[in-house]
PDB file of N, CA and C in Angstrom:
ATOM      1  N   MET A   1     -59.555   0.560  37.905  1.00  0.00           N
ATOM      2  CA  MET A   1     -59.987   1.831  38.618  1.00  0.00           C
ATOM      3  C   MET A   1     -59.472   3.180  37.656  1.00  0.00           C
ATOM      4  N   LYS A   2     -58.289   2.953  37.645  1.00  0.00           N
ATOM      5  CA  LYS A   2     -57.640   4.022  36.667  1.00  0.00           C
ATOM      6  C   LYS A   2     -58.521   4.470  35.471  1.00  0.00           C
ATOM      7  N   LEU A   3     -59.042   3.432  34.699  1.00  0.00           N
ATOM      8  CA  LEU A   3     -59.812   3.568  33.363  1.00  0.00           C
ATOM      9  C   LEU A   3     -61.207   4.045  33.670  1.00  0.00           C
ATOM     10  N   PHE A   4     -61.887   4.061  34.941  1.00  0.00           N
ATOM     11  CA  PHE A   4     -62.860   4.658  35.513  1.00  0.00           C
ATOM     12  C   PHE A   4     -62.553   6.312  35.572  1.00  0.00           C
ATOM     13  N   TYR A   5     -61.208   6.867  35.919  1.00  0.00           N
ATOM     14  CA  TYR A   5     -61.021   8.014  36.161  1.00  0.00           C
ATOM     15  C   TYR A   5     -60.959   8.409  34.960  1.00  0.00           C
ATOM     16  N   LEU A   6     -60.191   7.864  33.875  1.00  0.00           N
ATOM     17  CA  LEU A   6     -59.989   8.258  32.789  1.00  0.00           C
ATOM     18  C   LEU A   6     -61.055   8.599  31.777  1.00  0.00           C
ATOM     19  N   ALA A   7     -62.248   7.635  32.245  1.00  0.00           N
ATOM     20  CA  ALA A   7     -63.503   7.728  31.764  1.00  0.00           C
ATOM     21  C   ALA A   7     -64.020   8.767  32.023  1.00  0.00           C
ATOM     22  N   ALA A   8     -64.005   9.085  33.202  1.00  0.00           N
ATOM     23  CA  ALA A   8     -64.786  10.294  34.148  1.00  0.00           C
ATOM     24  C   ALA A   8     -64.038  11.764  33.399  1.00  0.00           C
ATOM     25  N   ILE A   9     -63.157  11.477  33.427  1.00  0.00           N
ATOM     26  CA  ILE A   9     -62.286  12.950  32.806  1.00  0.00           C
ATOM     27  C   ILE A   9     -62.704  13.207  31.200  1.00  0.00           C
ATOM     28  N   VAL A  10     -62.721  12.143  30.441  1.00  0.00           N
ATOM     29  CA  VAL A  10     -63.224  12.322  29.100  1.00  0.00           C
ATOM     30  C   VAL A  10     -64.472  13.002  28.940  1.00  0.00           C
ATOM     31  N   ALA A  11     -65.087  12.437  29.745  1.00  0.00           N
ATOM     32  CA  ALA A  11     -66.937  12.475  29.801  1.00  0.00           C
ATOM     33  C   ALA A  11     -67.019  13.891  30.418  1.00  0.00           C
ATOM     34  N   CYS A  12     -66.229  14.589  31.418  1.00  0.00           N
ATOM     35  CA  CYS A  12     -66.286  15.920  31.447  1.00  0.00           C
ATOM     36  C   CYS A  12     -65.906  16.997  30.463  1.00  0.00           C
ATOM     37  N   TYR A  13     -64.835  16.470  30.048  1.00  0.00           N
ATOM     38  CA  TYR A  13     -64.086  17.598  28.951  1.00  0.00           C
ATOM     39  C   TYR A  13     -65.399  17.349  28.139  1.00  0.00           C
ATOM     40  N   ALA A  14     -65.651  16.298  27.252  1.00  0.00           N
ATOM     41  CA  ALA A  14     -66.735  16.151  26.089  1.00  0.00           C
ATOM     42  C   ALA A  14     -68.111  17.231  26.517  1.00  0.00           C
ATOM     43  N   THR A  15     -68.673  16.950  27.694  1.00  0.00           N
ATOM     44  CA  THR A  15     -69.521  17.910  28.302  1.00  0.00           C
ATOM     45  C   THR A  15     -69.245  19.293  28.258  1.00  0.00           C
ATOM     46  N   ALA A  16     -68.077  19.832  28.853  1.00  0.00           N
ATOM     47  CA  ALA A  16     -67.953  20.941  28.664  1.00  0.00           C
ATOM     48  C   ALA A  16     -67.339  21.677  27.327  1.00  0.00           C
ATOM     49  N   SER A  17     -66.923  20.577  26.502  1.00  0.00           N
ATOM     50  CA  SER A  17     -66.697  21.382  24.942  1.00  0.00           C
ATOM     51  C   SER A  17     -67.984  21.365  24.216  1.00  0.00           C
ATOM     52  N   GLN A  18     -69.169  20.939  24.513  1.00  0.00           N
ATOM     53  CA  GLN A  18     -70.082  21.217  23.935  1.00  0.00           C
ATOM     54  C   GLN A  18     -71.158  22.091  24.353  1.00  0.00           C
ATOM     55  N   ALA A  19     -70.481  23.045  25.260  1.00  0.00           N
ATOM     56  CA  ALA A  19     -71.710  23.843  26.095  1.00  0.00           C
ATOM     57  C   ALA A  19     -71.946  24.933  24.722  1.00  0.00           C
ATOM     58  N   VAL A  20     -73.279  25.511  25.108  1.00  0.00           N
ATOM     59  CA  VAL A  20     -73.642  26.318  24.180  1.00  0.00           C
ATOM     60  C   VAL A  20     -73.192  27.795  24.513  1.00  0.00           C
ATOM     61  N   ASP A  21     -72.941  28.738  23.753  1.00  0.00           N
ATOM     62  CA  ASP A  21     -72.846  30.106  24.090  1.00  0.00           C
ATOM     63  C   ASP A  21     -73.759  30.906  23.688  1.00  0.00           C
ATOM     64  N   LEU A  22     -74.575  31.312  24.717  1.00  0.00           N
ATOM     65  CA  LEU A  22     -75.921  32.036  24.240  1.00  0.00           C
ATOM     66  C   LEU A  22     -75.530  33.338  23.543  1.00  0.00           C
ATOM     67  N   GLU A  23     -74.559  34.166  24.259  1.00  0.00           N
ATOM     68  CA  GLU A  23     -74.425  35.402  23.846  1.00  0.00           C
ATOM     69  C   GLU A  23     -73.809  35.311  22.496  1.00  0.00           C
ATOM     70  N   ASN A  24     -73.008  34.306  22.148  1.00  0.00           N
ATOM     71  CA  ASN A  24     -72.640  34.443  20.692  1.00  0.00           C
ATOM     72  C   ASN A  24     -73.672  33.814  19.687  1.00  0.00           C
ATOM     73  N   GLY A  25     -74.551  33.091  20.061  1.00  0.00           N
ATOM     74  CA  GLY A  25     -75.974  32.559  19.359  1.00  0.00           C
ATOM     75  C   GLY A  25     -76.748  33.806  19.204  1.00  0.00           C
ATOM     76  N   ASP A  26     -76.985  34.612  20.218  1.00  0.00           N
ATOM     77  CA  ASP A  26     -77.691  36.095  20.048  1.00  0.00           C
ATOM     78  C   ASP A  26     -76.901  37.112  18.860  1.00  0.00           C
ATOM     79  N   ASP A  27     -75.439  37.096  19.111  1.00  0.00           N
ATOM     80  CA  ASP A  27     -74.857  38.135  18.327  1.00  0.00           C
ATOM     81  C   ASP A  27     -75.032  37.168  16.559  1.00  0.00           C
ATOM     82  N   LEU A  28     -74.689  36.299  16.530  1.00  0.00           N
ATOM     83  CA  LEU A  28     -74.932  35.799  15.268  1.00  0.00           C
ATOM     84  C   LEU A  28     -76.367  35.830  14.766  1.00  0.00           C
ATOM     85  N   HIS A  29     -77.494  35.510  15.580  1.00  0.00           N
ATOM     86  CA  HIS A  29     -78.674  35.809  14.942  1.00  0.00           C
ATOM     87  C   HIS A  29     -78.863  37.397  14.551  1.00  0.00           C
ATOM     88  N   PHE A  30     -78.278  38.081  15.728  1.00  0.00           N
ATOM     89  CA  PHE A  30     -78.657  39.665  15.445  1.00  0.00           C
ATOM     90  C   PHE A  30     -78.169  39.927  13.801  1.00  0.00           C
ATOM     91  N   GLU A  31     -76.818  39.393  13.683  1.00  0.00           N
ATOM     92  CA  GLU A  31     -76.027  39.917  12.644  1.00  0.00           C
ATOM     93  C   GLU A  31     -76.345  39.038  11.446  1.00  0.00           C
ATOM     94  N   ASN A  32     -77.219  37.949  11.469  1.00  0.00           N
ATOM     95  CA  ASN A  32     -77.333  37.353  10.049  1.00  0.00           C
ATOM     96  C   ASN A  32     -78.944  37.090   9.859  1.00  0.00           C
ATOM     97  N   CYS A  33     -79.859  37.182  10.712  1.00  0.00           N
ATOM     98  CA  CYS A  33     -81.109  36.638  10.927  1.00  0.00           C
ATOM     99  C   CYS A  33     -82.116  37.756  10.955  1.00  0.00           C
ATOM    100  N   THR A  34     -81.858  38.920  11.585  1.00  0.00           N
ATOM    101  CA  THR A  34     -82.767  39.955  11.916  1.00  0.00           C
ATOM    102  C   THR A  34     -83.374  40.497  10.461  1.00  0.00           C
ATOM    103  N   GLY A  35     -82.442  40.341   9.763  1.00  0.00           N
ATOM    104  CA  GLY A  35     -82.689  41.093   8.360  1.00  0.00           C
ATOM    105  C   GLY A  35     -83.716  40.662   7.684  1.00  0.00           C
ATOM    106  N   CYS A  36     -83.976  38.906   7.782  1.00  0.00           N
ATOM    107  CA  CYS A  36     -85.525  38.434   7.206  1.00  0.00           C
ATOM    108  C   CYS A  36     -86.593  38.298   8.378  1.00  0.00           C
ATOM    109  N   HIS A  37     -85.988  38.336   9.417  1.00  0.00           N
ATOM    110  CA  HIS A  37     -87.085  37.893  10.487  1.00  0.00           C
ATOM    111  C   HIS A  37     -86.862  38.672  11.853  1.00  0.00           C
ATOM    112  N   ASP A  38     -88.229  39.121  12.334  1.00  0.00           N
ATOM    113  CA  ASP A  38     -88.403  39.606  13.790  1.00  0.00           C
ATOM    114  C   ASP A  38     -88.863  38.586  14.396  1.00  0.00           C
ATOM    115  N   SER A  39     -89.191  39.251  15.737  1.00  0.00           N
ATOM    116  CA  SER A  39     -89.648  38.008  16.754  1.00  0.00           C
ATOM    117  C   SER A  39     -91.072  37.352  16.530  1.00  0.00           C
ATOM    118  N   THR A  40     -91.749  38.084  15.655  1.00  0.00           N
ATOM    119  CA  THR A  40     -92.829  37.201  15.290  1.00  0.00           C
ATOM    120  C   THR A  40     -92.775  35.832  14.419  1.00  0.00           C
ATOM    121  N   ALA A  41     -91.584  35.644  13.792  1.00  0.00           N
ATOM    122  CA  ALA A  41     -91.460  34.571  13.197  1.00  0.00           C
ATOM    123  C   ALA A  41     -91.503  33.433  13.892  1.00  0.00           C
ATOM    124  N   TYR A  42     -90.967  34.016  15.448  1.00  0.00           N
ATOM    125  CA  TYR A  42     -90.606  32.792  16.250  1.00  0.00           C
ATOM    126  C   TYR A  42     -91.798  32.802  17.166  1.00  0.00           C
ATOM    127  N   THR A  43     -93.020  33.671  17.234  1.00  0.00           N
ATOM    128  CA  THR A  43     -93.491  33.605  18.587  1.00  0.00           C
ATOM    129  C   THR A  43     -95.272  33.584  17.996  1.00  0.00           C
ATOM    130  N   ARG A  44     -95.432  33.733  16.490  1.00  0.00           N
ATOM    131  CA  ARG A  44     -96.939  33.541  16.115  1.00  0.00           C
ATOM    132  C   ARG A  44     -97.280  32.014  16.072  1.00  0.00           C
ATOM    133  N   ASP A  45     -98.524  31.980  16.212  1.00  0.00           N
ATOM    134  CA  ASP A  45     -99.445  30.908  16.241  1.00  0.00           C
ATOM    135  C   ASP A  45     -99.126  29.415  15.460  1.00  0.00           C
ATOM    136  N   ASP A  46     -98.845  30.159  14.199  1.00  0.00           N
ATOM    137  CA  ASP A  46     -98.674  29.181  13.172  1.00  0.00           C
ATOM    138  C   ASP A  46     -97.208  28.900  12.827  1.00  0.00           C
ATOM    139  N   ARG A  47     -96.127  28.976  13.885  1.00  0.00           N
ATOM    140  CA  ARG A  47     -95.025  28.803  13.367  1.00  0.00           C
ATOM    141  C   ARG A  47     -94.429  27.669  12.956  1.00  0.00           C
ATOM    142  N   LYS A  48     -93.397  27.565  12.182  1.00  0.00           N
ATOM    143  CA  LYS A  48     -93.273  26.311  11.511  1.00  0.00           C
ATOM    144  C   LYS A  48     -92.434  25.343  12.678  1.00  0.00           C
ATOM    145  N   VAL A  49     -91.804  26.151  13.512  1.00  0.00           N
ATOM    146  CA  VAL A  49     -90.689  24.953  14.304  1.00  0.00           C
ATOM    147  C   VAL A  49     -91.650  24.877  15.631  1.00  0.00           C
ATOM    148  N   GLN A  50     -92.012  23.399  15.774  1.00  0.00           N
ATOM    149  CA  GLN A  50     -92.850  22.744  16.697  1.00  0.00           C
ATOM    150  C   GLN A  50     -92.021  21.901  17.648  1.00  0.00           C
ATOM    151  N   SER A  51     -90.719  21.616  17.526  1.00  0.00           N
ATOM    152  CA  SER A  51     -90.034  21.100  17.913  1.00  0.00           C
ATOM    153  C   SER A  51     -88.448  21.111  18.063  1.00  0.00           C
ATOM    154  N   PHE A  52     -87.927  20.603  18.987  1.00  0.00           N
ATOM    155  CA  PHE A  52     -86.224  21.274  19.194  1.00  0.00           C
ATOM    156  C   PHE A  52     -85.640  20.590  18.091  1.00  0.00           C
ATOM    157  N   ALA A  53     -85.965  19.534  17.578  1.00  0.00           N
ATOM    158  CA  ALA A  53     -85.403  18.889  16.162  1.00  0.00           C
ATOM    159  C   ALA A  53     -85.636  19.523  15.099  1.00  0.00           C
ATOM    160  N   ARG A  54     -87.089  20.305  14.920  1.00  0.00           N
ATOM    161  CA  ARG A  54     -87.163  21.082  13.822  1.00  0.00           C
ATOM    162  C   ARG A  54     -86.606  22.192  14.047  1.00  0.00           C
ATOM    163  N   LEU A  55     -86.261  23.109  15.281  1.00  0.00           N
ATOM    164  CA  LEU A  55     -85.516  24.008  15.388  1.00  0.00           C
ATOM    165  C   LEU A  55     -84.238  23.991  14.534  1.00  0.00           C
ATOM    166  N   GLY A  56     -83.468  22.688  14.944  1.00  0.00           N
ATOM    167  CA  GLY A  56     -82.183  22.799  14.389  1.00  0.00           C
ATOM    168  C   GLY A  56     -82.397  22.449  12.898  1.00  0.00           C
ATOM    169  N   THR A  57     -83.154  21.954  12.711  1.00  0.00           N
ATOM    170  CA  THR A  57     -83.700  21.772  10.885  1.00  0.00           C
ATOM    171  C   THR A  57     -83.777  23.212  10.222  1.00  0.00           C
ATOM    172  N   GLN A  58     -84.454  23.865  11.175  1.00  0.00           N
ATOM    173  CA  GLN A  58     -84.543  25.216  10.429  1.00  0.00           C
ATOM    174  C   GLN A  58     -83.837  25.849  10.428  1.00  0.00           C
ATOM    175  N   VAL A  59     -82.739  26.291  11.581  1.00  0.00           N
ATOM    176  CA  VAL A  59     -81.510  26.979  11.506  1.00  0.00           C
ATOM    177  C   VAL A  59     -80.574  26.447  10.462  1.00  0.00           C
ATOM    178  N   ARG A  60     -80.223  25.202  10.569  1.00  0.00           N
ATOM    179  CA  ARG A  60     -79.201  24.657   9.494  1.00  0.00           C
ATOM    180  C   ARG A  60     -79.635  25.105   7.994  1.00  0.00           C
ATOM    181  N   PHE A  61     -81.158  24.929   7.888  1.00  0.00           N
ATOM    182  CA  PHE A  61     -81.830  25.487   6.618  1.00  0.00           C
ATOM    183  C   PHE A  61     -81.256  26.816   6.394  1.00  0.00           C
ATOM    184  N   CYS A  62     -81.426  27.789   7.117  1.00  0.00           N
ATOM    185  CA  CYS A  62     -81.236  29.124   7.098  1.00  0.00           C
ATOM    186  C   CYS A  62     -79.862  29.462   6.776  1.00  0.00           C
ATOM    187  N   LYS A  63     -79.297  28.791   7.527  1.00  0.00           N
ATOM    188  CA  LYS A  63     -77.585  29.002   7.339  1.00  0.00           C
ATOM    189  C   LYS A  63     -77.124  28.557   5.823  1.00  0.00           C
ATOM    190  N   ASP A  64     -77.676  27.396   5.662  1.00  0.00           N
ATOM    191  CA  ASP A  64     -77.257  26.946   4.332  1.00  0.00           C
ATOM    192  C   ASP A  64     -77.872  27.768   2.951  1.00  0.00           C
ATOM    193  N   ASN A  65     -79.100  28.405   3.332  1.00  0.00           N
ATOM    194  CA  ASN A  65     -79.722  29.263   2.104  1.00  0.00           C
ATOM    195  C   ASN A  65     -79.098  30.265   1.975  1.00  0.00           C
ATOM    196  N   LEU A  66     -78.360  31.080   3.126  1.00  0.00           N
ATOM    197  CA  LEU A  66     -77.973  32.298   3.131  1.00  0.00           C
ATOM    198  C   LEU A  66     -76.211  32.267   3.062  1.00  0.00           C
ATOM    199  N   ASP A  67     -75.846  30.898   2.843  1.00  0.00           N
ATOM    200  CA  ASP A  67     -74.320  30.394   2.790  1.00  0.00           C
ATOM    201  C   ASP A  67     -73.531  30.795   3.572  1.00  0.00           C
ATOM    202  N   LEU A  68     -74.032  30.717   4.668  1.00  0.00           N
ATOM    203  CA  LEU A  68     -73.229  31.235   6.048  1.00  0.00           C
ATOM    204  C   LEU A  68     -72.352  30.128   6.203  1.00  0.00           C
ATOM    205  N   THR A  69     -71.104  30.590   6.794  1.00  0.00           N
ATOM    206  CA  THR A  69     -70.086  29.606   6.907  1.00  0.00           C
ATOM    207  C   THR A  69     -69.603  29.244   8.252  1.00  0.00           C
ATOM    208  N   TRP A  70     -70.789  29.266   9.194  1.00  0.00           N
ATOM    209  CA  TRP A  70     -70.741  28.772  10.537  1.00  0.00           C
ATOM    210  C   TRP A  70     -70.360  27.410  10.811  1.00  0.00           C
ATOM    211  N   PHE A  71     -69.582  27.029  12.000  1.00  0.00           N
ATOM    212  CA  PHE A  71     -69.220  26.173  12.308  1.00  0.00           C
ATOM    213  C   PHE A  71     -70.355  25.508  12.818  1.00  0.00           C
ATOM    214  N   ASP A  72     -70.154  24.033  13.437  1.00  0.00           N
ATOM    215  CA  ASP A  72     -71.312  23.296  14.083  1.00  0.00           C
ATOM    216  C   ASP A  72     -71.586  24.048  15.548  1.00  0.00           C
ATOM    217  N   ASP A  73     -70.509  24.443  15.953  1.00  0.00           N
ATOM    218  CA  ASP A  73     -70.752  25.026  17.694  1.00  0.00           C
ATOM    219  C   ASP A  73     -71.622  26.313  17.575  1.00  0.00           C
ATOM    220  N   GLU A  74     -71.161  27.262  16.299  1.00  0.00           N
ATOM    221  CA  GLU A  74     -71.991  28.285  15.980  1.00  0.00           C
ATOM    222  C   GLU A  74     -73.683  28.035  15.790  1.00  0.00           C
ATOM    223  N   VAL A  75     -73.886  27.130  14.987  1.00  0.00           N
ATOM    224  CA  VAL A  75     -75.064  26.653  14.746  1.00  0.00           C
ATOM    225  C   VAL A  75     -75.624  26.518  16.064  1.00  0.00           C
ATOM    226  N   ASN A  76     -75.149  25.386  17.197  1.00  0.00           N
ATOM    227  CA  ASN A  76     -75.625  25.111  17.914  1.00  0.00           C
ATOM    228  C   ASN A  76     -76.005  26.472  18.798  1.00  0.00           C
ATOM    229  N   ASP A  77     -74.971  27.169  18.863  1.00  0.00           N
ATOM    230  CA  ASP A  77     -74.900  28.347  19.770  1.00  0.00           C
ATOM    231  C   ASP A  77     -76.218  29.385  19.301  1.00  0.00           C
ATOM    232  N   VAL A  78     -76.662  29.422  18.164  1.00  0.00           N
ATOM    233  CA  VAL A  78     -78.060  29.703  17.515  1.00  0.00           C
ATOM    234  C   VAL A  78     -79.150  29.367  17.794  1.00  0.00           C
ATOM    235  N   ILE A  79     -79.210  28.057  17.700  1.00  0.00           N
ATOM    236  CA  ILE A  79     -80.401  27.037  18.132  1.00  0.00           C
ATOM    237  C   ILE A  79     -80.465  27.167  19.788  1.00  0.00           C
ATOM    238  N   GLY A  80     -79.286  27.390  20.411  1.00  0.00           N
ATOM    239  CA  GLY A  80     -79.526  27.307  22.089  1.00  0.00           C
ATOM    240  C   GLY A  80     -80.187  28.599  22.387  1.00  0.00           C
ATOM    241  N   TYR A  81     -79.198  29.770  21.471  1.00  0.00           N
ATOM    242  CA  TYR A  81     -80.206  31.110  22.049  1.00  0.00           C
ATOM    243  C   TYR A  81     -81.774  31.167  21.561  1.00  0.00           C
ATOM    244  N   LEU A  82     -82.234  30.846  20.513  1.00  0.00           N
ATOM    245  CA  LEU A  82     -83.552  30.780  20.208  1.00  0.00           C
ATOM    246  C   LEU A  82     -84.390  29.954  21.030  1.00  0.00           C
ATOM    247  N   ASN A  83     -83.741  28.616  21.300  1.00  0.00           N
ATOM    248  CA  ASN A  83     -84.572  27.847  22.409  1.00  0.00           C
ATOM    249  C   ASN A  83     -84.668  28.805  23.545  1.00  0.00           C
ATOM    250  N   LYS A  84     -83.810  29.168  24.038  1.00  0.00           N
ATOM    251  CA  LYS A  84     -83.712  29.830  25.354  1.00  0.00           C
ATOM    252  C   LYS A  84     -84.760  31.084  25.222  1.00  0.00           C
ATOM    253  N   GLU A  85     -84.694  31.791  24.429  1.00  0.00           N
ATOM    254  CA  GLU A  85     -85.176  33.139  24.247  1.00  0.00           C
ATOM    255  C   GLU A  85     -86.942  32.962  23.727  1.00  0.00           C
ATOM    256  N   TYR A  86     -87.124  32.031  22.655  1.00  0.00           N
ATOM    257  CA  TYR A  86     -88.484  31.808  22.192  1.00  0.00           C
ATOM    258  C   TYR A  86     -89.289  30.555  22.547  1.00  0.00           C
ATOM    259  N   TYR A  87     -88.415  29.666  22.039  1.00  0.00           N
ATOM    260  CA  TYR A  87     -89.427  28.233  22.193  1.00  0.00           C
ATOM    261  C   TYR A  87     -89.391  27.193  23.306  1.00  0.00           C
ATOM    262  N   HIS A  88     -88.307  27.476  24.107  1.00  0.00           N
ATOM    263  CA  HIS A  88     -88.286  26.824  25.479  1.00  0.00           C
ATOM    264  C   HIS A  88     -88.992  25.134  25.387  1.00  0.00           C
ATOM    265  N   PHE A  89     -88.018  24.662  24.475  1.00  0.00           N
ATOM    266  CA  PHE A  89     -88.200  23.150  24.369  1.00  0.00           C
ATOM    267  C   PHE A  89     -87.502  22.463  25.537  1.00  0.00           C
TER     268      PHE A  89
END
């Protein structure tokens, strides 16, 4: 029984620590992405991103291409922000 409680606590902590910070994603996007993109990059009919997985790939590609030193949680914040704001996957 103690093992069950320990597993439940660990699961709750892991989920909470992986929460996406949409405000941070918005800030990072504004500071680093809007120089190249306006919202039409995300809303046009022939957009490159057609799935949540592709959104992650594209954000990481741009991060690497711009030599941004984002941590994984910051990348996830930007992905979460773009998904909530534009893609809705």
